[in-house]
Amino acid sequence: ADSVKGRFTISRDNVKNTVYLEMNSLKLEDTAVYYCYAKW
């Protein structure tokens, strides 16, 4: 999303079937419930 570009990084570990979201320079407006999503 434009609002997180340059601050957040998504990555994955295919061996562990795990996705990560590294969030830096957090702002007040980043406050929320964060939901992981997968399509299968």
PDB file of all heavy atoms in Angstrom:
ATOM      1  N   ALA A   1       0.852  -1.181   0.000  1.00  0.00           N
ATOM      2  CA  ALA A   1       0.000   0.000   0.000  1.00  0.00           C
ATOM      3  C   ALA A   1       0.891   1.236   0.000  1.00  0.00           C
ATOM      4  O   ALA A   1       1.993   1.225   0.570  1.00  0.00           O
ATOM      5  CB  ALA A   1      -0.880   0.008   1.249  1.00  0.00           C
ATOM      6  N   ASP A   2       0.423   2.293  -0.634  1.00  0.00           N
ATOM      7  CA  ASP A   2       1.228   3.512  -0.701  1.00  0.00           C
ATOM      8  C   ASP A   2       1.593   4.030   0.687  1.00  0.00           C
ATOM      9  O   ASP A   2       2.677   4.588   0.887  1.00  0.00           O
ATOM     10  CB  ASP A   2       0.469   4.597  -1.468  1.00  0.00           C
ATOM     11  CG  ASP A   2       0.395   4.313  -2.964  1.00  0.00           C
ATOM     12  OD1 ASP A   2       1.194   3.484  -3.456  1.00  0.00           O
ATOM     13  OD2 ASP A   2      -0.462   4.913  -3.632  1.00  0.00           O
ATOM     14  N   SER A   3       0.700   3.835   1.635  1.00  0.00           N
ATOM     15  CA  SER A   3       0.905   4.382   2.972  1.00  0.00           C
ATOM     16  C   SER A   3       2.057   3.714   3.726  1.00  0.00           C
ATOM     17  O   SER A   3       2.525   4.258   4.730  1.00  0.00           O
ATOM     18  CB  SER A   3      -0.384   4.256   3.790  1.00  0.00           C
ATOM     19  OG  SER A   3      -0.771   2.894   3.878  1.00  0.00           O
ATOM     20  N   VAL A   4       2.501   2.561   3.265  1.00  0.00           N
ATOM     21  CA  VAL A   4       3.567   1.849   3.993  1.00  0.00           C
ATOM     22  C   VAL A   4       4.831   1.673   3.164  1.00  0.00           C
ATOM     23  O   VAL A   4       5.837   1.168   3.677  1.00  0.00           O
ATOM     24  CB  VAL A   4       3.077   0.469   4.497  1.00  0.00           C
ATOM     25  CG1 VAL A   4       1.808   0.617   5.315  1.00  0.00           C
ATOM     26  CG2 VAL A   4       2.895  -0.518   3.355  1.00  0.00           C
ATOM     27  N   LYS A   5       4.798   2.082   1.902  1.00  0.00           N
ATOM     28  CA  LYS A   5       5.973   1.925   1.052  1.00  0.00           C
ATOM     29  C   LYS A   5       7.168   2.640   1.663  1.00  0.00           C
ATOM     30  O   LYS A   5       7.057   3.776   2.117  1.00  0.00           O
ATOM     31  CB  LYS A   5       5.694   2.475  -0.351  1.00  0.00           C
ATOM     32  CG  LYS A   5       4.894   1.544  -1.223  1.00  0.00           C
ATOM     33  CD  LYS A   5       4.661   2.148  -2.590  1.00  0.00           C
ATOM     34  CE  LYS A   5       3.819   1.216  -3.454  1.00  0.00           C
ATOM     35  NZ  LYS A   5       3.501   1.809  -4.777  1.00  0.00           N
ATOM     36  N   GLY A   6       8.296   1.954   1.662  1.00  0.00           N
ATOM     37  CA  GLY A   6       9.520   2.522   2.203  1.00  0.00           C
ATOM     38  C   GLY A   6       9.668   2.317   3.699  1.00  0.00           C
ATOM     39  O   GLY A   6      10.742   2.561   4.256  1.00  0.00           O
ATOM     40  N   ARG A   7       8.599   1.884   4.368  1.00  0.00           N
ATOM     41  CA  ARG A   7       8.654   1.652   5.813  1.00  0.00           C
ATOM     42  C   ARG A   7       8.467   0.188   6.177  1.00  0.00           C
ATOM     43  O   ARG A   7       9.067  -0.289   7.147  1.00  0.00           O
ATOM     44  CB  ARG A   7       7.573   2.491   6.516  1.00  0.00           C
ATOM     45  CG  ARG A   7       7.703   3.976   6.292  1.00  0.00           C
ATOM     46  CD  ARG A   7       6.715   4.768   7.179  1.00  0.00           C
ATOM     47  NE  ARG A   7       5.325   4.450   6.885  1.00  0.00           N
ATOM     48  CZ  ARG A   7       4.478   3.958   7.788  1.00  0.00           C
ATOM     49  NH1 ARG A   7       4.871   3.734   9.016  1.00  0.00           N
ATOM     50  NH2 ARG A   7       3.225   3.719   7.456  1.00  0.00           N
ATOM     51  N   PHE A   8       7.617  -0.503   5.427  1.00  0.00           N
ATOM     52  CA  PHE A   8       7.314  -1.901   5.718  1.00  0.00           C
ATOM     53  C   PHE A   8       7.959  -2.796   4.650  1.00  0.00           C
ATOM     54  O   PHE A   8       8.054  -2.415   3.484  1.00  0.00           O
ATOM     55  CB  PHE A   8       5.809  -2.149   5.702  1.00  0.00           C
ATOM     56  CG  PHE A   8       5.050  -1.525   6.835  1.00  0.00           C
ATOM     57  CD1 PHE A   8       5.609  -0.586   7.689  1.00  0.00           C
ATOM     58  CD2 PHE A   8       3.713  -1.884   7.048  1.00  0.00           C
ATOM     59  CE1 PHE A   8       4.892  -0.011   8.723  1.00  0.00           C
ATOM     60  CE2 PHE A   8       2.988  -1.321   8.082  1.00  0.00           C
ATOM     61  CZ  PHE A   8       3.575  -0.389   8.918  1.00  0.00           C
ATOM     62  N   THR A   9       8.347  -3.983   5.078  1.00  0.00           N
ATOM     63  CA  THR A   9       8.905  -4.970   4.143  1.00  0.00           C
ATOM     64  C   THR A   9       8.264  -6.320   4.406  1.00  0.00           C
ATOM     65  O   THR A   9       8.260  -6.800   5.544  1.00  0.00           O
ATOM     66  CB  THR A   9      10.424  -5.087   4.311  1.00  0.00           C
ATOM     67  OG1 THR A   9      11.031  -3.806   4.098  1.00  0.00           O
ATOM     68  CG2 THR A   9      10.990  -6.081   3.307  1.00  0.00           C
ATOM     69  N   ILE A  10       7.732  -6.919   3.352  1.00  0.00           N
ATOM     70  CA  ILE A  10       7.165  -8.265   3.456  1.00  0.00           C
ATOM     71  C   ILE A  10       8.180  -9.258   2.900  1.00  0.00           C
ATOM     72  O   ILE A  10       8.869  -8.987   1.905  1.00  0.00           O
ATOM     73  CB  ILE A  10       5.823  -8.362   2.712  1.00  0.00           C
ATOM     74  CG1 ILE A  10       5.125  -9.687   3.017  1.00  0.00           C
ATOM     75  CG2 ILE A  10       5.979  -8.137   1.205  1.00  0.00           C
ATOM     76  CD1 ILE A  10       3.680  -9.745   2.530  1.00  0.00           C
ATOM     77  N   SER A  11       8.278 -10.387   3.577  1.00  0.00           N
ATOM     78  CA  SER A  11       9.200 -11.428   3.122  1.00  0.00           C
ATOM     79  C   SER A  11       8.614 -12.782   3.501  1.00  0.00           C
ATOM     80  O   SER A  11       7.628 -12.866   4.241  1.00  0.00           O
ATOM     81  CB  SER A  11      10.587 -11.233   3.747  1.00  0.00           C
ATOM     82  OG  SER A  11      10.521 -11.336   5.158  1.00  0.00           O
ATOM     83  N   ARG A  12       9.238 -13.827   2.971  1.00  0.00           N
ATOM     84  CA  ARG A  12       8.725 -15.163   3.276  1.00  0.00           C
ATOM     85  C   ARG A  12       9.866 -16.152   3.390  1.00  0.00           C
ATOM     86  O   ARG A  12      10.934 -15.977   2.791  1.00  0.00           O
ATOM     87  CB  ARG A  12       7.732 -15.608   2.205  1.00  0.00           C
ATOM     88  CG  ARG A  12       8.324 -15.828   0.829  1.00  0.00           C
ATOM     89  CD  ARG A  12       7.227 -15.968  -0.238  1.00  0.00           C
ATOM     90  NE  ARG A  12       6.340 -17.097   0.051  1.00  0.00           N
ATOM     91  CZ  ARG A  12       5.134 -17.247  -0.499  1.00  0.00           C
ATOM     92  NH1 ARG A  12       4.683 -16.344  -1.367  1.00  0.00           N
ATOM     93  NH2 ARG A  12       4.397 -18.288  -0.212  1.00  0.00           N
ATOM     94  N   ASP A  13       9.604 -17.174   4.198  1.00  0.00           N
ATOM     95  CA  ASP A  13      10.521 -18.298   4.335  1.00  0.00           C
ATOM     96  C   ASP A  13       9.763 -19.516   3.838  1.00  0.00           C
ATOM     97  O   ASP A  13       8.869 -20.012   4.517  1.00  0.00           O
ATOM     98  CB  ASP A  13      10.940 -18.458   5.805  1.00  0.00           C
ATOM     99  CG  ASP A  13      11.939 -19.579   6.012  1.00  0.00           C
ATOM    100  OD1 ASP A  13      11.910 -20.569   5.261  1.00  0.00           O
ATOM    101  OD2 ASP A  13      12.744 -19.468   6.942  1.00  0.00           O
ATOM    102  N   ASN A  14      10.096 -19.966   2.655  1.00  0.00           N
ATOM    103  CA  ASN A  14       9.332 -21.051   2.033  1.00  0.00           C
ATOM    104  C   ASN A  14       9.545 -22.388   2.738  1.00  0.00           C
ATOM    105  O   ASN A  14       8.697 -23.270   2.651  1.00  0.00           O
ATOM    106  CB  ASN A  14       9.704 -21.165   0.555  1.00  0.00           C
ATOM    107  CG  ASN A  14       9.223 -19.964  -0.245  1.00  0.00           C
ATOM    108  OD1 ASN A  14       8.156 -19.417   0.031  1.00  0.00           O
ATOM    109  ND2 ASN A  14       9.998 -19.551  -1.233  1.00  0.00           N
ATOM    110  N   VAL A  15      10.647 -22.536   3.419  1.00  0.00           N
ATOM    111  CA  VAL A  15      10.902 -23.785   4.153  1.00  0.00           C
ATOM    112  C   VAL A  15       9.961 -23.857   5.359  1.00  0.00           C
ATOM    113  O   VAL A  15       9.422 -24.919   5.672  1.00  0.00           O
ATOM    114  CB  VAL A  15      12.366 -23.875   4.583  1.00  0.00           C
ATOM    115  CG1 VAL A  15      12.589 -25.087   5.477  1.00  0.00           C
ATOM    116  CG2 VAL A  15      13.281 -23.926   3.360  1.00  0.00           C
ATOM    117  N   LYS A  16       9.775 -22.725   6.004  1.00  0.00           N
ATOM    118  CA  LYS A  16       8.929 -22.676   7.203  1.00  0.00           C
ATOM    119  C   LYS A  16       7.473 -22.323   6.890  1.00  0.00           C
ATOM    120  O   LYS A  16       6.643 -22.257   7.802  1.00  0.00           O
ATOM    121  CB  LYS A  16       9.495 -21.652   8.193  1.00  0.00           C
ATOM    122  CG  LYS A  16      10.872 -21.993   8.726  1.00  0.00           C
ATOM    123  CD  LYS A  16      11.346 -20.930   9.703  1.00  0.00           C
ATOM    124  CE  LYS A  16      12.717 -21.269  10.263  1.00  0.00           C
ATOM    125  NZ  LYS A  16      13.195 -20.227  11.213  1.00  0.00           N
ATOM    126  N   ASN A  17       7.160 -22.075   5.617  1.00  0.00           N
ATOM    127  CA  ASN A  17       5.798 -21.638   5.233  1.00  0.00           C
ATOM    128  C   ASN A  17       5.369 -20.437   6.068  1.00  0.00           C
ATOM    129  O   ASN A  17       4.237 -20.373   6.574  1.00  0.00           O
ATOM    130  CB  ASN A  17       4.781 -22.767   5.391  1.00  0.00           C
ATOM    131  CG  ASN A  17       5.035 -23.903   4.440  1.00  0.00           C
ATOM    132  OD1 ASN A  17       5.625 -23.722   3.374  1.00  0.00           O
ATOM    133  ND2 ASN A  17       4.612 -25.094   4.825  1.00  0.00           N
ATOM    134  N   THR A  18       6.259 -19.502   6.226  1.00  0.00           N
ATOM    135  CA  THR A  18       6.030 -18.345   7.089  1.00  0.00           C
ATOM    136  C   THR A  18       6.252 -17.057   6.301  1.00  0.00           C
ATOM    137  O   THR A  18       7.206 -16.952   5.529  1.00  0.00           O
ATOM    138  CB  THR A  18       6.969 -18.382   8.304  1.00  0.00           C
ATOM    139  OG1 THR A  18       6.697 -19.570   9.058  1.00  0.00           O
ATOM    140  CG2 THR A  18       6.756 -17.171   9.193  1.00  0.00           C
ATOM    141  N   VAL A  19       5.361 -16.119   6.529  1.00  0.00           N
ATOM    142  CA  VAL A  19       5.508 -14.788   5.947  1.00  0.00           C
ATOM    143  C   VAL A  19       5.713 -13.786   7.076  1.00  0.00           C
ATOM    144  O   VAL A  19       5.173 -13.948   8.183  1.00  0.00           O
ATOM    145  CB  VAL A  19       4.278 -14.407   5.086  1.00  0.00           C
ATOM    146  CG1 VAL A  19       3.023 -14.274   5.931  1.00  0.00           C
ATOM    147  CG2 VAL A  19       4.528 -13.149   4.288  1.00  0.00           C
ATOM    148  N   TYR A  20       6.535 -12.795   6.809  1.00  0.00           N
ATOM    149  CA  TYR A  20       6.891 -11.794   7.809  1.00  0.00           C
ATOM    150  C   TYR A  20       6.516 -10.403   7.305  1.00  0.00           C
ATOM    151  O   TYR A  20       6.475 -10.149   6.104  1.00  0.00           O
ATOM    152  CB  TYR A  20       8.394 -11.833   8.091  1.00  0.00           C
ATOM    153  CG  TYR A  20       8.914 -13.176   8.505  1.00  0.00           C
ATOM    154  CD1 TYR A  20       9.501 -14.035   7.583  1.00  0.00           C
ATOM    155  CD2 TYR A  20       8.823 -13.591   9.833  1.00  0.00           C
ATOM    156  CE1 TYR A  20       9.971 -15.280   7.963  1.00  0.00           C
ATOM    157  CE2 TYR A  20       9.295 -14.832  10.225  1.00  0.00           C
ATOM    158  CZ  TYR A  20       9.864 -15.669   9.288  1.00  0.00           C
ATOM    159  OH  TYR A  20      10.329 -16.906   9.663  1.00  0.00           O
ATOM    160  N   LEU A  21       6.275  -9.528   8.242  1.00  0.00           N
ATOM    161  CA  LEU A  21       6.080  -8.120   7.922  1.00  0.00           C
ATOM    162  C   LEU A  21       6.954  -7.317   8.871  1.00  0.00           C
ATOM    163  O   LEU A  21       6.677  -7.246  10.069  1.00  0.00           O
ATOM    164  CB  LEU A  21       4.613  -7.698   8.062  1.00  0.00           C
ATOM    165  CG  LEU A  21       4.310  -6.273   7.611  1.00  0.00           C
ATOM    166  CD1 LEU A  21       4.478  -6.151   6.093  1.00  0.00           C
ATOM    167  CD2 LEU A  21       2.900  -5.846   8.016  1.00  0.00           C
ATOM    168  N   GLU A  22       8.016  -6.770   8.331  1.00  0.00           N
ATOM    169  CA  GLU A  22       8.904  -5.902   9.090  1.00  0.00           C
ATOM    170  C   GLU A  22       8.377  -4.489   8.976  1.00  0.00           C
ATOM    171  O   GLU A  22       8.256  -3.949   7.872  1.00  0.00           O
ATOM    172  CB  GLU A  22      10.327  -5.984   8.530  1.00  0.00           C
ATOM    173  CG  GLU A  22      11.354  -5.232   9.337  1.00  0.00           C
ATOM    174  CD  GLU A  22      11.719  -5.961  10.629  1.00  0.00           C
ATOM    175  OE1 GLU A  22      11.764  -7.201  10.614  1.00  0.00           O
ATOM    176  OE2 GLU A  22      11.942  -5.278  11.644  1.00  0.00           O
ATOM    177  N   MET A  23       8.053  -3.890  10.130  1.00  0.00           N
ATOM    178  CA  MET A  23       7.452  -2.554  10.146  1.00  0.00           C
ATOM    179  C   MET A  23       8.398  -1.597  10.847  1.00  0.00           C
ATOM    180  O   MET A  23       8.708  -1.784  12.022  1.00  0.00           O
ATOM    181  CB  MET A  23       6.100  -2.591  10.855  1.00  0.00           C
ATOM    182  CG  MET A  23       5.141  -3.614  10.262  1.00  0.00           C
ATOM    183  SD  MET A  23       3.504  -3.563  11.018  1.00  0.00           S
ATOM    184  CE  MET A  23       3.886  -4.153  12.662  1.00  0.00           C
ATOM    185  N   ASN A  24       8.860  -0.597  10.124  1.00  0.00           N
ATOM    186  CA  ASN A  24       9.764   0.415  10.670  1.00  0.00           C
ATOM    187  C   ASN A  24       9.124   1.790  10.600  1.00  0.00           C
ATOM    188  O   ASN A  24       8.150   2.001   9.871  1.00  0.00           O
ATOM    189  CB  ASN A  24      11.073   0.407   9.876  1.00  0.00           C
ATOM    190  CG  ASN A  24      11.814  -0.906   9.969  1.00  0.00           C
ATOM    191  OD1 ASN A  24      11.958  -1.471  11.058  1.00  0.00           O
ATOM    192  ND2 ASN A  24      12.285  -1.403   8.841  1.00  0.00           N
ATOM    193  N   SER A  25       9.687   2.715  11.345  1.00  0.00           N
ATOM    194  CA  SER A  25       9.184   4.097  11.363  1.00  0.00           C
ATOM    195  C   SER A  25       7.672   4.125  11.562  1.00  0.00           C
ATOM    196  O   SER A  25       6.940   4.813  10.833  1.00  0.00           O
ATOM    197  CB  SER A  25       9.553   4.814  10.052  1.00  0.00           C
ATOM    198  OG  SER A  25      10.946   4.814   9.852  1.00  0.00           O
ATOM    199  N   LEU A  26       7.213   3.389  12.540  1.00  0.00           N
ATOM    200  CA  LEU A  26       5.777   3.257  12.763  1.00  0.00           C
ATOM    201  C   LEU A  26       5.157   4.596  13.139  1.00  0.00           C
ATOM    202  O   LEU A  26       5.747   5.401  13.868  1.00  0.00           O
ATOM    203  CB  LEU A  26       5.504   2.207  13.826  1.00  0.00           C
ATOM    204  CG  LEU A  26       5.630   0.763  13.320  1.00  0.00           C
ATOM    205  CD1 LEU A  26       5.816  -0.200  14.472  1.00  0.00           C
ATOM    206  CD2 LEU A  26       4.396   0.398  12.505  1.00  0.00           C
ATOM    207  N   LYS A  27       3.933   4.789  12.640  1.00  0.00           N
ATOM    208  CA  LYS A  27       3.181   6.011  12.885  1.00  0.00           C
ATOM    209  C   LYS A  27       1.913   5.675  13.669  1.00  0.00           C
ATOM    210  O   LYS A  27       1.459   4.532  13.691  1.00  0.00           O
ATOM    211  CB  LYS A  27       2.791   6.657  11.548  1.00  0.00           C
ATOM    212  CG  LYS A  27       3.961   6.960  10.630  1.00  0.00           C
ATOM    213  CD  LYS A  27       3.467   7.527   9.307  1.00  0.00           C
ATOM    214  CE  LYS A  27       4.625   7.826   8.365  1.00  0.00           C
ATOM    215  NZ  LYS A  27       4.144   8.365   7.058  1.00  0.00           N
ATOM    216  N   LEU A  28       1.342   6.710  14.264  1.00  0.00           N
ATOM    217  CA  LEU A  28       0.106   6.499  15.025  1.00  0.00           C
ATOM    218  C   LEU A  28      -0.966   5.851  14.153  1.00  0.00           C
ATOM    219  O   LEU A  28      -1.718   4.995  14.617  1.00  0.00           O
ATOM    220  CB  LEU A  28      -0.393   7.829  15.573  1.00  0.00           C
ATOM    221  CG  LEU A  28       0.500   8.539  16.581  1.00  0.00           C
ATOM    222  CD1 LEU A  28      -0.125   9.867  16.998  1.00  0.00           C
ATOM    223  CD2 LEU A  28       0.751   7.676  17.815  1.00  0.00           C
ATOM    224  N   GLU A  29      -1.009   6.259  12.892  1.00  0.00           N
ATOM    225  CA  GLU A  29      -2.048   5.744  11.998  1.00  0.00           C
ATOM    226  C   GLU A  29      -1.821   4.301  11.558  1.00  0.00           C
ATOM    227  O   GLU A  29      -2.658   3.732  10.862  1.00  0.00           O
ATOM    228  CB  GLU A  29      -2.180   6.640  10.757  1.00  0.00           C
ATOM    229  CG  GLU A  29      -0.873   6.900  10.018  1.00  0.00           C
ATOM    230  CD  GLU A  29      -0.233   8.227  10.443  1.00  0.00           C
ATOM    231  OE1 GLU A  29      -0.253   8.549  11.645  1.00  0.00           O
ATOM    232  OE2 GLU A  29       0.308   8.908   9.532  1.00  0.00           O
ATOM    233  N   ASP A  30      -0.723   3.708  11.980  1.00  0.00           N
ATOM    234  CA  ASP A  30      -0.511   2.279  11.711  1.00  0.00           C
ATOM    235  C   ASP A  30      -1.206   1.401  12.749  1.00  0.00           C
ATOM    236  O   ASP A  30      -1.233   0.172  12.602  1.00  0.00           O
ATOM    237  CB  ASP A  30       0.984   1.953  11.700  1.00  0.00           C
ATOM    238  CG  ASP A  30       1.721   2.601  10.548  1.00  0.00           C
ATOM    239  OD1 ASP A  30       1.182   2.620   9.422  1.00  0.00           O
ATOM    240  OD2 ASP A  30       2.853   3.102  10.774  1.00  0.00           O
ATOM    241  N   THR A  31      -1.757   2.018  13.769  1.00  0.00           N
ATOM    242  CA  THR A  31      -2.481   1.270  14.796  1.00  0.00           C
ATOM    243  C   THR A  31      -3.675   0.556  14.181  1.00  0.00           C
ATOM    244  O   THR A  31      -4.515   1.175  13.529  1.00  0.00           O
ATOM    245  CB  THR A  31      -2.952   2.211  15.912  1.00  0.00           C
ATOM    246  OG1 THR A  31      -1.808   2.742  16.583  1.00  0.00           O
ATOM    247  CG2 THR A  31      -3.831   1.459  16.910  1.00  0.00           C
ATOM    248  N   ALA A  32      -3.728  -0.763  14.380  1.00  0.00           N
ATOM    249  CA  ALA A  32      -4.788  -1.563  13.789  1.00  0.00           C
ATOM    250  C   ALA A  32      -4.608  -3.015  14.214  1.00  0.00           C
ATOM    251  O   ALA A  32      -3.578  -3.383  14.796  1.00  0.00           O
ATOM    252  CB  ALA A  32      -4.744  -1.484  12.259  1.00  0.00           C
ATOM    253  N   VAL A  33      -5.606  -3.815  13.903  1.00  0.00           N
ATOM    254  CA  VAL A  33      -5.443  -5.262  13.980  1.00  0.00           C
ATOM    255  C   VAL A  33      -4.924  -5.720  12.617  1.00  0.00           C
ATOM    256  O   VAL A  33      -5.505  -5.392  11.584  1.00  0.00           O
ATOM    257  CB  VAL A  33      -6.767  -5.977  14.312  1.00  0.00           C
ATOM    258  CG1 VAL A  33      -6.560  -7.486  14.308  1.00  0.00           C
ATOM    259  CG2 VAL A  33      -7.297  -5.499  15.661  1.00  0.00           C
ATOM    260  N   TYR A  34      -3.834  -6.444  12.643  1.00  0.00           N
ATOM    261  CA  TYR A  34      -3.207  -6.916  11.412  1.00  0.00           C
ATOM    262  C   TYR A  34      -3.560  -8.382  11.195  1.00  0.00           C
ATOM    263  O   TYR A  34      -3.404  -9.212  12.102  1.00  0.00           O
ATOM    264  CB  TYR A  34      -1.691  -6.737  11.493  1.00  0.00           C
ATOM    265  CG  TYR A  34      -1.267  -5.302  11.294  1.00  0.00           C
ATOM    266  CD1 TYR A  34      -1.545  -4.331  12.255  1.00  0.00           C
ATOM    267  CD2 TYR A  34      -0.609  -4.894  10.138  1.00  0.00           C
ATOM    268  CE1 TYR A  34      -1.191  -3.007  12.066  1.00  0.00           C
ATOM    269  CE2 TYR A  34      -0.243  -3.571   9.942  1.00  0.00           C
ATOM    270  CZ  TYR A  34      -0.542  -2.639  10.907  1.00  0.00           C
ATOM    271  OH  TYR A  34      -0.192  -1.326  10.721  1.00  0.00           O
ATOM    272  N   TYR A  35      -4.018  -8.679   9.983  1.00  0.00           N
ATOM    273  CA  TYR A  35      -4.466 -10.021   9.637  1.00  0.00           C
ATOM    274  C   TYR A  35      -3.578 -10.609   8.551  1.00  0.00           C
ATOM    275  O   TYR A  35      -3.329  -9.974   7.520  1.00  0.00           O
ATOM    276  CB  TYR A  35      -5.898  -9.993   9.126  1.00  0.00           C
ATOM    277  CG  TYR A  35      -6.923  -9.566  10.136  1.00  0.00           C
ATOM    278  CD1 TYR A  35      -7.293  -8.233  10.263  1.00  0.00           C
ATOM    279  CD2 TYR A  35      -7.525 -10.506  10.981  1.00  0.00           C
ATOM    280  CE1 TYR A  35      -8.239  -7.840  11.200  1.00  0.00           C
ATOM    281  CE2 TYR A  35      -8.466 -10.120  11.916  1.00  0.00           C
ATOM    282  CZ  TYR A  35      -8.816  -8.796  12.028  1.00  0.00           C
ATOM    283  OH  TYR A  35      -9.753  -8.409  12.957  1.00  0.00           O
ATOM    284  N   CYS A  36      -3.143 -11.808   8.797  1.00  0.00           N
ATOM    285  CA  CYS A  36      -2.417 -12.557   7.782  1.00  0.00           C
ATOM    286  C   CYS A  36      -3.422 -13.156   6.800  1.00  0.00           C
ATOM    287  O   CYS A  36      -4.540 -13.516   7.181  1.00  0.00           O
ATOM    288  CB  CYS A  36      -1.604 -13.657   8.455  1.00  0.00           C
ATOM    289  SG  CYS A  36      -0.677 -14.695   7.310  1.00  0.00           S
ATOM    290  N   TYR A  37      -3.006 -13.253   5.569  1.00  0.00           N
ATOM    291  CA  TYR A  37      -3.878 -13.715   4.492  1.00  0.00           C
ATOM    292  C   TYR A  37      -3.120 -14.708   3.623  1.00  0.00           C
ATOM    293  O   TYR A  37      -1.915 -14.559   3.394  1.00  0.00           O
ATOM    294  CB  TYR A  37      -4.310 -12.489   3.681  1.00  0.00           C
ATOM    295  CG  TYR A  37      -4.653 -12.745   2.242  1.00  0.00           C
ATOM    296  CD1 TYR A  37      -5.944 -13.113   1.879  1.00  0.00           C
ATOM    297  CD2 TYR A  37      -3.700 -12.588   1.233  1.00  0.00           C
ATOM    298  CE1 TYR A  37      -6.266 -13.334   0.557  1.00  0.00           C
ATOM    299  CE2 TYR A  37      -4.022 -12.823  -0.094  1.00  0.00           C
ATOM    300  CZ  TYR A  37      -5.311 -13.194  -0.420  1.00  0.00           C
ATOM    301  OH  TYR A  37      -5.613 -13.421  -1.728  1.00  0.00           O
ATOM    302  N   ALA A  38      -3.866 -15.710   3.154  1.00  0.00           N
ATOM    303  CA  ALA A  38      -3.296 -16.643   2.182  1.00  0.00           C
ATOM    304  C   ALA A  38      -4.397 -17.079   1.218  1.00  0.00           C
ATOM    305  O   ALA A  38      -5.559 -17.186   1.604  1.00  0.00           O
ATOM    306  CB  ALA A  38      -2.701 -17.855   2.880  1.00  0.00           C
ATOM    307  N   LYS A  39      -4.009 -17.303  -0.002  1.00  0.00           N
ATOM    308  CA  LYS A  39      -4.945 -17.808  -1.005  1.00  0.00           C
ATOM    309  C   LYS A  39      -4.470 -19.176  -1.444  1.00  0.00           C
ATOM    310  O   LYS A  39      -3.285 -19.366  -1.796  1.00  0.00           O
ATOM    311  CB  LYS A  39      -5.016 -16.861  -2.209  1.00  0.00           C
ATOM    312  CG  LYS A  39      -6.044 -17.293  -3.254  1.00  0.00           C
ATOM    313  CD  LYS A  39      -6.044 -16.377  -4.459  1.00  0.00           C
ATOM    314  CE  LYS A  39      -6.626 -15.026  -4.159  1.00  0.00           C
ATOM    315  NZ  LYS A  39      -8.090 -15.087  -3.892  1.00  0.00           N
ATOM    316  N   TRP A  40      -5.381 -20.125  -1.430  1.00  0.00           N
ATOM    317  CA  TRP A  40      -5.035 -21.505  -1.808  1.00  0.00           C
ATOM    318  C   TRP A  40      -6.192 -22.067  -2.602  1.00  0.00           C
ATOM    319  O   TRP A  40      -7.320 -22.109  -2.108  1.00  0.00           O
ATOM    320  CB  TRP A  40      -4.762 -22.327  -0.535  1.00  0.00           C
ATOM    321  CG  TRP A  40      -4.168 -23.667  -0.804  1.00  0.00           C
ATOM    322  CD1 TRP A  40      -2.953 -23.953  -1.332  1.00  0.00           C
ATOM    323  CD2 TRP A  40      -4.785 -24.927  -0.512  1.00  0.00           C
ATOM    324  NE1 TRP A  40      -2.770 -25.299  -1.412  1.00  0.00           N
ATOM    325  CE2 TRP A  40      -3.872 -25.936  -0.912  1.00  0.00           C
ATOM    326  CE3 TRP A  40      -6.001 -25.306   0.037  1.00  0.00           C
ATOM    327  CZ2 TRP A  40      -4.145 -27.272  -0.769  1.00  0.00           C
ATOM    328  CZ3 TRP A  40      -6.263 -26.649   0.185  1.00  0.00           C
ATOM    329  CH2 TRP A  40      -5.342 -27.619  -0.231  1.00  0.00           C
TER     330      TRP A  40
END
